[in-house]
């Protein structure tokens, strides 16, 4: 399992590293730490001197970070690059066939700054592999289950398989969340289809489906998160309506990105 972690050596990114280590597993796990230097200078001479200094600082901090985990059975790889963070990370994930990208964010008070128009959102749009966004308050040891938000669409089946496989590897339970809105009449057929799919492809796996009734999918997810903090919430980037709601209003960001709930976006 290859996990890429963009790191800027802040407390948030180091917390995300702890999260990635907890998820990587004790067998054949690899953490790829990547630090991307983004800098713009007016004069070439300034750029050259500044870049050399940034590289030296990054190399020193990267070495100290890895040394903290020298007793780990995981393999650590470090990369320092110049460029645009979202593009560099997405390209690396594709080139090495990474399993997952784990990225730290600011806490609830700064979530709008951290997400809207940020590297995180750009990375989600550009990435070909799932992206796990880890809030500063999140603690991997407190996570008890993985919850996949569903719209009962055909394209979700590949995501269901991936999430179930990861939940087993992470030794966490898996549950499903569906929000019933006034314009949604597919709940019962969708649930039966899901139960049949799991019985066929994952026999013996218990199926727990949470259904919430709300005006919008985001409001329903908020209800779920109020009752389930120790969870990784999984959303599919192909859920256009839901994703647009998450990004369109700042108050929505605060609703979905609770201070302790990591968000895993399937791309």
C-alpha atoms as a PDB file:
ATOM      1  CA  UNK A   1       0.000   0.000   0.000  1.00  0.00           C
ATOM      2  CA  UNK A   2       1.549   3.285  -1.129  1.00  0.00           C
ATOM      3  CA  UNK A   3       0.400   6.447   0.628  1.00  0.00           C
ATOM      4  CA  UNK A   4       1.552   9.876  -0.544  1.00  0.00           C
ATOM      5  CA  UNK A   5       1.652  12.610   2.063  1.00  0.00           C
ATOM      6  CA  UNK A   6       2.289  16.234   1.023  1.00  0.00           C
ATOM      7  CA  UNK A   7       4.185  17.749   3.929  1.00  0.00           C
ATOM      8  CA  UNK A   8       5.010  21.340   4.861  1.00  0.00           C
ATOM      9  CA  UNK A   9       6.229  20.316   8.355  1.00  0.00           C
ATOM     10  CA  UNK A  10       3.357  22.150  10.067  1.00  0.00           C
ATOM     11  CA  UNK A  11       1.511  20.512  12.959  1.00  0.00           C
ATOM     12  CA  UNK A  12      -1.376  19.802  10.607  1.00  0.00           C
ATOM     13  CA  UNK A  13       0.738  17.899   8.106  1.00  0.00           C
ATOM     14  CA  UNK A  14       2.542  15.996  10.875  1.00  0.00           C
ATOM     15  CA  UNK A  15      -0.811  14.972  12.332  1.00  0.00           C
ATOM     16  CA  UNK A  16      -1.813  13.770   8.863  1.00  0.00           C
ATOM     17  CA  UNK A  17       1.429  11.761   8.785  1.00  0.00           C
ATOM     18  CA  UNK A  18       0.457   9.988  12.010  1.00  0.00           C
ATOM     19  CA  UNK A  19      -2.888   9.267  10.384  1.00  0.00           C
ATOM     20  CA  UNK A  20      -1.227   7.884   7.249  1.00  0.00           C
ATOM     21  CA  UNK A  21       1.050   5.638   9.299  1.00  0.00           C
ATOM     22  CA  UNK A  22      -1.939   4.242  11.180  1.00  0.00           C
ATOM     23  CA  UNK A  23      -3.662   3.414   7.884  1.00  0.00           C
ATOM     24  CA  UNK A  24      -0.663   2.107   5.968  1.00  0.00           C
ATOM     25  CA  UNK A  25      -0.612  -1.165   7.844  1.00  0.00           C
ATOM     26  CA  UNK A  26       2.288  -3.092   9.270  1.00  0.00           C
ATOM     27  CA  UNK A  27       2.843  -5.172   6.135  1.00  0.00           C
ATOM     28  CA  UNK A  28       4.102  -3.848   2.786  1.00  0.00           C
ATOM     29  CA  UNK A  29       3.183  -0.293   3.737  1.00  0.00           C
ATOM     30  CA  UNK A  30       5.067   2.640   2.223  1.00  0.00           C
ATOM     31  CA  UNK A  31       4.786   6.341   3.002  1.00  0.00           C
ATOM     32  CA  UNK A  32       6.023   8.764   0.345  1.00  0.00           C
ATOM     33  CA  UNK A  33       6.638  12.193   1.849  1.00  0.00           C
ATOM     34  CA  UNK A  34       6.656  14.972  -0.721  1.00  0.00           C
ATOM     35  CA  UNK A  35       7.509  18.600  -0.063  1.00  0.00           C
ATOM     36  CA  UNK A  36       6.815  20.957  -2.965  1.00  0.00           C
ATOM     37  CA  UNK A  37       8.589  24.303  -3.029  1.00  0.00           C
ATOM     38  CA  UNK A  38       6.436  26.999  -4.580  1.00  0.00           C
ATOM     39  CA  UNK A  39       8.169  30.365  -4.859  1.00  0.00           C
ATOM     40  CA  UNK A  40       8.046  33.413  -7.128  1.00  0.00           C
ATOM     41  CA  UNK A  41      10.776  36.023  -7.133  1.00  0.00           C
ATOM     42  CA  UNK A  42      11.371  39.159  -9.160  1.00  0.00           C
ATOM     43  CA  UNK A  43      15.040  38.555  -9.822  1.00  0.00           C
ATOM     44  CA  UNK A  44      16.860  35.418 -10.881  1.00  0.00           C
ATOM     45  CA  UNK A  45      19.630  35.978  -8.325  1.00  0.00           C
ATOM     46  CA  UNK A  46      17.078  36.161  -5.506  1.00  0.00           C
ATOM     47  CA  UNK A  47      15.386  33.023  -6.785  1.00  0.00           C
ATOM     48  CA  UNK A  48      18.611  31.029  -6.905  1.00  0.00           C
ATOM     49  CA  UNK A  49      19.710  31.926  -3.362  1.00  0.00           C
ATOM     50  CA  UNK A  50      16.221  31.472  -1.919  1.00  0.00           C
ATOM     51  CA  UNK A  51      15.714  28.097  -3.604  1.00  0.00           C
ATOM     52  CA  UNK A  52      19.004  26.765  -2.273  1.00  0.00           C
ATOM     53  CA  UNK A  53      18.031  27.835   1.222  1.00  0.00           C
ATOM     54  CA  UNK A  54      14.555  26.299   0.886  1.00  0.00           C
ATOM     55  CA  UNK A  55      16.009  23.019  -0.302  1.00  0.00           C
ATOM     56  CA  UNK A  56      18.475  22.878   2.586  1.00  0.00           C
ATOM     57  CA  UNK A  57      15.755  23.636   5.125  1.00  0.00           C
ATOM     58  CA  UNK A  58      13.408  21.077   3.603  1.00  0.00           C
ATOM     59  CA  UNK A  59      16.075  18.371   3.530  1.00  0.00           C
ATOM     60  CA  UNK A  60      16.910  19.007   7.194  1.00  0.00           C
ATOM     61  CA  UNK A  61      13.262  18.952   8.295  1.00  0.00           C
ATOM     62  CA  UNK A  62      12.541  15.871   6.172  1.00  0.00           C
ATOM     63  CA  UNK A  63      15.427  13.986   7.766  1.00  0.00           C
ATOM     64  CA  UNK A  64      14.298  14.903  11.279  1.00  0.00           C
ATOM     65  CA  UNK A  65      10.748  13.839  10.474  1.00  0.00           C
ATOM     66  CA  UNK A  66      11.750  10.423   9.166  1.00  0.00           C
ATOM     67  CA  UNK A  67      14.114   9.842  12.107  1.00  0.00           C
ATOM     68  CA  UNK A  68      11.138  10.025  14.476  1.00  0.00           C
ATOM     69  CA  UNK A  69       9.781   6.887  12.851  1.00  0.00           C
ATOM     70  CA  UNK A  70      13.018   4.955  12.388  1.00  0.00           C
ATOM     71  CA  UNK A  71      11.676   2.076  14.495  1.00  0.00           C
ATOM     72  CA  UNK A  72       8.670   1.670  12.206  1.00  0.00           C
ATOM     73  CA  UNK A  73       8.391  -1.335   9.902  1.00  0.00           C
ATOM     74  CA  UNK A  74       7.065   0.951   7.176  1.00  0.00           C
ATOM     75  CA  UNK A  75       9.177   2.066   4.245  1.00  0.00           C
ATOM     76  CA  UNK A  76       9.654   5.829   3.988  1.00  0.00           C
ATOM     77  CA  UNK A  77      10.566   7.640   0.771  1.00  0.00           C
ATOM     78  CA  UNK A  78      11.218  11.387   0.670  1.00  0.00           C
ATOM     79  CA  UNK A  79      10.864  13.715  -2.308  1.00  0.00           C
ATOM     80  CA  UNK A  80      11.541  17.450  -2.571  1.00  0.00           C
ATOM     81  CA  UNK A  81      10.370  19.161  -5.745  1.00  0.00           C
ATOM     82  CA  UNK A  82       9.848  22.608  -7.173  1.00  0.00           C
ATOM     83  CA  UNK A  83       6.553  23.419  -8.819  1.00  0.00           C
ATOM     84  CA  UNK A  84       2.835  23.655  -8.145  1.00  0.00           C
ATOM     85  CA  UNK A  85       1.853  21.461  -5.213  1.00  0.00           C
ATOM     86  CA  UNK A  86      -1.440  20.080  -6.527  1.00  0.00           C
ATOM     87  CA  UNK A  87      -0.015  19.260  -9.963  1.00  0.00           C
ATOM     88  CA  UNK A  88       3.202  17.745  -8.565  1.00  0.00           C
ATOM     89  CA  UNK A  89       1.385  15.539  -6.043  1.00  0.00           C
ATOM     90  CA  UNK A  90      -1.274  14.373  -8.523  1.00  0.00           C
ATOM     91  CA  UNK A  91       1.400  13.526 -11.115  1.00  0.00           C
ATOM     92  CA  UNK A  92       3.464  11.594  -8.573  1.00  0.00           C
ATOM     93  CA  UNK A  93       0.412   9.614  -7.458  1.00  0.00           C
ATOM     94  CA  UNK A  94      -0.295   8.641 -11.051  1.00  0.00           C
ATOM     95  CA  UNK A  95       3.314   7.801 -11.904  1.00  0.00           C
ATOM     96  CA  UNK A  96       3.887   5.479  -8.928  1.00  0.00           C
ATOM     97  CA  UNK A  97       0.356   4.040  -8.899  1.00  0.00           C
ATOM     98  CA  UNK A  98      -0.281   5.249  -5.349  1.00  0.00           C
ATOM     99  CA  UNK A  99      -3.123   3.810  -3.291  1.00  0.00           C
ATOM    100  CA  UNK A 100      -4.055   6.999  -1.485  1.00  0.00           C
ATOM    101  CA  UNK A 101      -3.082  10.628  -0.869  1.00  0.00           C
ATOM    102  CA  UNK A 102      -3.385  11.851   2.727  1.00  0.00           C
ATOM    103  CA  UNK A 103      -3.409  15.604   3.283  1.00  0.00           C
ATOM    104  CA  UNK A 104      -3.726  17.648   6.473  1.00  0.00           C
ATOM    105  CA  UNK A 105      -5.871  20.765   6.761  1.00  0.00           C
ATOM    106  CA  UNK A 106      -6.429  23.482   9.278  1.00  0.00           C
ATOM    107  CA  UNK A 107      -8.987  23.069  12.044  1.00  0.00           C
ATOM    108  CA  UNK A 108     -12.632  24.089  11.864  1.00  0.00           C
ATOM    109  CA  UNK A 109     -11.908  27.767  12.408  1.00  0.00           C
ATOM    110  CA  UNK A 110      -9.751  27.944   9.311  1.00  0.00           C
ATOM    111  CA  UNK A 111     -11.388  25.357   7.111  1.00  0.00           C
ATOM    112  CA  UNK A 112     -12.704  27.862   4.567  1.00  0.00           C
ATOM    113  CA  UNK A 113      -9.233  29.271   4.002  1.00  0.00           C
ATOM    114  CA  UNK A 114      -7.760  25.787   3.814  1.00  0.00           C
ATOM    115  CA  UNK A 115     -10.221  24.409   1.308  1.00  0.00           C
ATOM    116  CA  UNK A 116     -11.859  26.976  -0.940  1.00  0.00           C
ATOM    117  CA  UNK A 117      -9.620  27.700  -3.920  1.00  0.00           C
ATOM    118  CA  UNK A 118      -6.764  25.944  -2.183  1.00  0.00           C
ATOM    119  CA  UNK A 119      -4.250  23.242  -2.984  1.00  0.00           C
ATOM    120  CA  UNK A 120      -6.609  20.710  -1.407  1.00  0.00           C
ATOM    121  CA  UNK A 121      -9.475  21.389  -3.784  1.00  0.00           C
ATOM    122  CA  UNK A 122      -7.160  21.589  -6.795  1.00  0.00           C
ATOM    123  CA  UNK A 123      -5.590  18.287  -5.800  1.00  0.00           C
ATOM    124  CA  UNK A 124      -8.990  16.601  -5.476  1.00  0.00           C
ATOM    125  CA  UNK A 125      -9.902  17.818  -8.959  1.00  0.00           C
ATOM    126  CA  UNK A 126      -6.614  16.721 -10.515  1.00  0.00           C
ATOM    127  CA  UNK A 127      -5.940  13.478  -8.667  1.00  0.00           C
ATOM    128  CA  UNK A 128      -6.578  10.067 -10.196  1.00  0.00           C
ATOM    129  CA  UNK A 129      -6.385   8.368  -6.782  1.00  0.00           C
ATOM    130  CA  UNK A 130      -8.492   8.880  -3.629  1.00  0.00           C
ATOM    131  CA  UNK A 131      -7.622  11.850  -1.415  1.00  0.00           C
ATOM    132  CA  UNK A 132      -8.055  11.733   2.370  1.00  0.00           C
ATOM    133  CA  UNK A 133      -8.389  15.189   3.945  1.00  0.00           C
ATOM    134  CA  UNK A 134      -7.442  15.079   7.642  1.00  0.00           C
ATOM    135  CA  UNK A 135      -8.533  17.915   9.965  1.00  0.00           C
ATOM    136  CA  UNK A 136      -6.113  19.092  12.637  1.00  0.00           C
ATOM    137  CA  UNK A 137      -8.360  17.761  15.416  1.00  0.00           C
ATOM    138  CA  UNK A 138      -8.601  14.270  13.963  1.00  0.00           C
ATOM    139  CA  UNK A 139      -6.969  11.324  15.719  1.00  0.00           C
ATOM    140  CA  UNK A 140      -6.464   8.063  13.824  1.00  0.00           C
ATOM    141  CA  UNK A 141      -6.678   5.949  16.985  1.00  0.00           C
ATOM    142  CA  UNK A 142     -10.206   7.221  17.609  1.00  0.00           C
ATOM    143  CA  UNK A 143     -11.560   6.231  14.184  1.00  0.00           C
ATOM    144  CA  UNK A 144     -13.935   3.296  14.514  1.00  0.00           C
ATOM    145  CA  UNK A 145     -15.516   3.003  11.076  1.00  0.00           C
ATOM    146  CA  UNK A 146     -15.629   4.145   7.473  1.00  0.00           C
ATOM    147  CA  UNK A 147     -18.927   5.533   6.181  1.00  0.00           C
ATOM    148  CA  UNK A 148     -19.607   5.763   2.446  1.00  0.00           C
ATOM    149  CA  UNK A 149     -22.175   8.341   1.338  1.00  0.00           C
ATOM    150  CA  UNK A 150     -24.216   6.855  -1.495  1.00  0.00           C
ATOM    151  CA  UNK A 151     -26.587   8.107  -4.145  1.00  0.00           C
ATOM    152  CA  UNK A 152     -27.307   4.540  -5.317  1.00  0.00           C
ATOM    153  CA  UNK A 153     -25.716   5.167  -8.715  1.00  0.00           C
ATOM    154  CA  UNK A 154     -24.101   2.546 -10.932  1.00  0.00           C
ATOM    155  CA  UNK A 155     -20.670   4.201 -10.882  1.00  0.00           C
ATOM    156  CA  UNK A 156     -20.516   3.729  -7.106  1.00  0.00           C
ATOM    157  CA  UNK A 157     -19.964  -0.026  -7.247  1.00  0.00           C
ATOM    158  CA  UNK A 158     -16.222   0.319  -7.924  1.00  0.00           C
ATOM    159  CA  UNK A 159     -15.973   2.688  -4.944  1.00  0.00           C
ATOM    160  CA  UNK A 160     -17.874   0.273  -2.690  1.00  0.00           C
ATOM    161  CA  UNK A 161     -15.349  -2.485  -3.438  1.00  0.00           C
ATOM    162  CA  UNK A 162     -12.400  -0.164  -2.761  1.00  0.00           C
ATOM    163  CA  UNK A 163     -13.820   1.178   0.508  1.00  0.00           C
ATOM    164  CA  UNK A 164     -14.688  -2.289   1.809  1.00  0.00           C
ATOM    165  CA  UNK A 165     -11.199  -3.582   0.976  1.00  0.00           C
ATOM    166  CA  UNK A 166      -9.583  -0.588   2.702  1.00  0.00           C
ATOM    167  CA  UNK A 167     -11.813  -0.887   5.786  1.00  0.00           C
ATOM    168  CA  UNK A 168     -10.677  -4.496   6.182  1.00  0.00           C
ATOM    169  CA  UNK A 169      -7.044  -3.498   5.824  1.00  0.00           C
ATOM    170  CA  UNK A 170      -7.506  -0.669   8.290  1.00  0.00           C
ATOM    171  CA  UNK A 171      -9.427  -3.009  10.626  1.00  0.00           C
ATOM    172  CA  UNK A 172     -12.343  -0.587  10.792  1.00  0.00           C
ATOM    173  CA  UNK A 173     -16.030  -1.269  10.282  1.00  0.00           C
ATOM    174  CA  UNK A 174     -17.820  -0.057   7.165  1.00  0.00           C
ATOM    175  CA  UNK A 175     -21.277   1.503   6.958  1.00  0.00           C
ATOM    176  CA  UNK A 176     -23.321   3.327   4.341  1.00  0.00           C
ATOM    177  CA  UNK A 177     -25.161   6.639   4.448  1.00  0.00           C
ATOM    178  CA  UNK A 178     -28.015   7.727   2.214  1.00  0.00           C
ATOM    179  CA  UNK A 179     -29.860  11.037   2.449  1.00  0.00           C
ATOM    180  CA  UNK A 180     -33.478  10.945   1.334  1.00  0.00           C
ATOM    181  CA  UNK A 181     -34.635  14.262  -0.092  1.00  0.00           C
ATOM    182  CA  UNK A 182     -38.045  15.353  -1.358  1.00  0.00           C
ATOM    183  CA  UNK A 183     -36.962  14.752  -4.946  1.00  0.00           C
ATOM    184  CA  UNK A 184     -35.478  11.329  -4.280  1.00  0.00           C
ATOM    185  CA  UNK A 185     -37.742   8.310  -4.630  1.00  0.00           C
ATOM    186  CA  UNK A 186     -35.114   5.624  -5.166  1.00  0.00           C
ATOM    187  CA  UNK A 187     -34.372   4.670  -1.571  1.00  0.00           C
ATOM    188  CA  UNK A 188     -35.956   1.215  -1.339  1.00  0.00           C
ATOM    189  CA  UNK A 189     -34.779  -0.132  -4.740  1.00  0.00           C
ATOM    190  CA  UNK A 190     -31.342   1.350  -4.058  1.00  0.00           C
ATOM    191  CA  UNK A 191     -31.036  -0.316  -0.666  1.00  0.00           C
ATOM    192  CA  UNK A 192     -32.079  -3.691  -2.044  1.00  0.00           C
ATOM    193  CA  UNK A 193     -29.588  -3.344  -4.886  1.00  0.00           C
ATOM    194  CA  UNK A 194     -26.804  -2.485  -2.428  1.00  0.00           C
ATOM    195  CA  UNK A 195     -27.650  -5.438  -0.187  1.00  0.00           C
ATOM    196  CA  UNK A 196     -27.619  -7.759  -3.197  1.00  0.00           C
ATOM    197  CA  UNK A 197     -24.313  -6.345  -4.472  1.00  0.00           C
ATOM    198  CA  UNK A 198     -22.601  -6.852  -1.109  1.00  0.00           C
ATOM    199  CA  UNK A 199     -24.063 -10.333  -0.622  1.00  0.00           C
ATOM    200  CA  UNK A 200     -22.676 -11.300  -4.035  1.00  0.00           C
ATOM    201  CA  UNK A 201     -19.260  -9.630  -3.899  1.00  0.00           C
ATOM    202  CA  UNK A 202     -18.599  -9.576  -0.144  1.00  0.00           C
ATOM    203  CA  UNK A 203     -20.539 -12.477   1.378  1.00  0.00           C
ATOM    204  CA  UNK A 204     -20.804 -12.397   5.152  1.00  0.00           C
ATOM    205  CA  UNK A 205     -20.186  -8.668   5.430  1.00  0.00           C
ATOM    206  CA  UNK A 206     -22.814  -7.028   7.649  1.00  0.00           C
ATOM    207  CA  UNK A 207     -24.709  -4.246   5.878  1.00  0.00           C
ATOM    208  CA  UNK A 208     -25.638  -1.211   7.954  1.00  0.00           C
ATOM    209  CA  UNK A 209     -27.311   1.607   6.045  1.00  0.00           C
ATOM    210  CA  UNK A 210     -28.116   4.949   7.687  1.00  0.00           C
ATOM    211  CA  UNK A 211     -30.969   6.832   6.035  1.00  0.00           C
ATOM    212  CA  UNK A 212     -31.548  10.486   6.863  1.00  0.00           C
ATOM    213  CA  UNK A 213     -34.418  12.655   5.661  1.00  0.00           C
ATOM    214  CA  UNK A 214     -33.414  16.229   4.859  1.00  0.00           C
ATOM    215  CA  UNK A 215     -33.978  19.055   2.395  1.00  0.00           C
ATOM    216  CA  UNK A 216     -30.487  18.649   0.950  1.00  0.00           C
ATOM    217  CA  UNK A 217     -27.848  15.882   0.949  1.00  0.00           C
ATOM    218  CA  UNK A 218     -25.446  18.100   2.900  1.00  0.00           C
ATOM    219  CA  UNK A 219     -27.965  18.662   5.710  1.00  0.00           C
ATOM    220  CA  UNK A 220     -28.459  14.915   5.932  1.00  0.00           C
ATOM    221  CA  UNK A 221     -24.733  14.283   6.125  1.00  0.00           C
ATOM    222  CA  UNK A 222     -24.486  16.864   8.853  1.00  0.00           C
ATOM    223  CA  UNK A 223     -27.089  14.937  10.848  1.00  0.00           C
ATOM    224  CA  UNK A 224     -25.055  11.767  10.428  1.00  0.00           C
ATOM    225  CA  UNK A 225     -21.814  13.440  11.515  1.00  0.00           C
ATOM    226  CA  UNK A 226     -23.437  14.880  14.621  1.00  0.00           C
ATOM    227  CA  UNK A 227     -24.144  11.315  15.724  1.00  0.00           C
ATOM    228  CA  UNK A 228     -20.929   9.750  14.386  1.00  0.00           C
ATOM    229  CA  UNK A 229     -17.710  11.671  15.049  1.00  0.00           C
ATOM    230  CA  UNK A 230     -15.282   8.760  15.102  1.00  0.00           C
ATOM    231  CA  UNK A 231     -15.633   8.030  11.405  1.00  0.00           C
ATOM    232  CA  UNK A 232     -14.004   8.602   8.042  1.00  0.00           C
ATOM    233  CA  UNK A 233     -16.651  10.027   5.725  1.00  0.00           C
ATOM    234  CA  UNK A 234     -16.296   8.883   2.124  1.00  0.00           C
ATOM    235  CA  UNK A 235     -17.731  10.859  -0.781  1.00  0.00           C
ATOM    236  CA  UNK A 236     -17.477  10.257  -4.523  1.00  0.00           C
ATOM    237  CA  UNK A 237     -16.265  13.155  -6.608  1.00  0.00           C
ATOM    238  CA  UNK A 238     -18.775  12.066  -9.263  1.00  0.00           C
ATOM    239  CA  UNK A 239     -21.613  13.050  -6.911  1.00  0.00           C
ATOM    240  CA  UNK A 240     -21.980  16.347  -8.745  1.00  0.00           C
ATOM    241  CA  UNK A 241     -24.975  17.703  -6.842  1.00  0.00           C
ATOM    242  CA  UNK A 242     -23.576  16.892  -3.430  1.00  0.00           C
ATOM    243  CA  UNK A 243     -20.064  18.064  -4.256  1.00  0.00           C
ATOM    244  CA  UNK A 244     -21.321  21.363  -5.659  1.00  0.00           C
ATOM    245  CA  UNK A 245     -23.217  21.969  -2.424  1.00  0.00           C
ATOM    246  CA  UNK A 246     -20.100  21.260  -0.373  1.00  0.00           C
ATOM    247  CA  UNK A 247     -18.083  23.819  -2.334  1.00  0.00           C
ATOM    248  CA  UNK A 248     -20.687  26.459  -3.113  1.00  0.00           C
ATOM    249  CA  UNK A 249     -21.419  27.933   0.312  1.00  0.00           C
ATOM    250  CA  UNK A 250     -18.935  28.623   3.073  1.00  0.00           C
ATOM    251  CA  UNK A 251     -21.362  27.499   5.789  1.00  0.00           C
ATOM    252  CA  UNK A 252     -21.634  24.159   4.032  1.00  0.00           C
ATOM    253  CA  UNK A 253     -17.890  23.637   4.379  1.00  0.00           C
ATOM    254  CA  UNK A 254     -18.183  24.072   8.133  1.00  0.00           C
ATOM    255  CA  UNK A 255     -21.137  21.696   8.261  1.00  0.00           C
ATOM    256  CA  UNK A 256     -19.497  18.825   6.433  1.00  0.00           C
ATOM    257  CA  UNK A 257     -15.925  19.245   7.596  1.00  0.00           C
ATOM    258  CA  UNK A 258     -16.468  18.798  11.296  1.00  0.00           C
ATOM    259  CA  UNK A 259     -13.386  19.477  13.353  1.00  0.00           C
ATOM    260  CA  UNK A 260     -12.589  15.778  13.870  1.00  0.00           C
ATOM    261  CA  UNK A 261     -14.036  14.051  10.803  1.00  0.00           C
ATOM    262  CA  UNK A 262     -11.628  13.133   7.969  1.00  0.00           C
ATOM    263  CA  UNK A 263     -13.085  13.271   4.465  1.00  0.00           C
ATOM    264  CA  UNK A 264     -12.059  10.666   1.902  1.00  0.00           C
ATOM    265  CA  UNK A 265     -12.860  11.789  -1.644  1.00  0.00           C
ATOM    266  CA  UNK A 266     -13.019   9.058  -4.268  1.00  0.00           C
ATOM    267  CA  UNK A 267     -11.870  10.393  -7.631  1.00  0.00           C
END
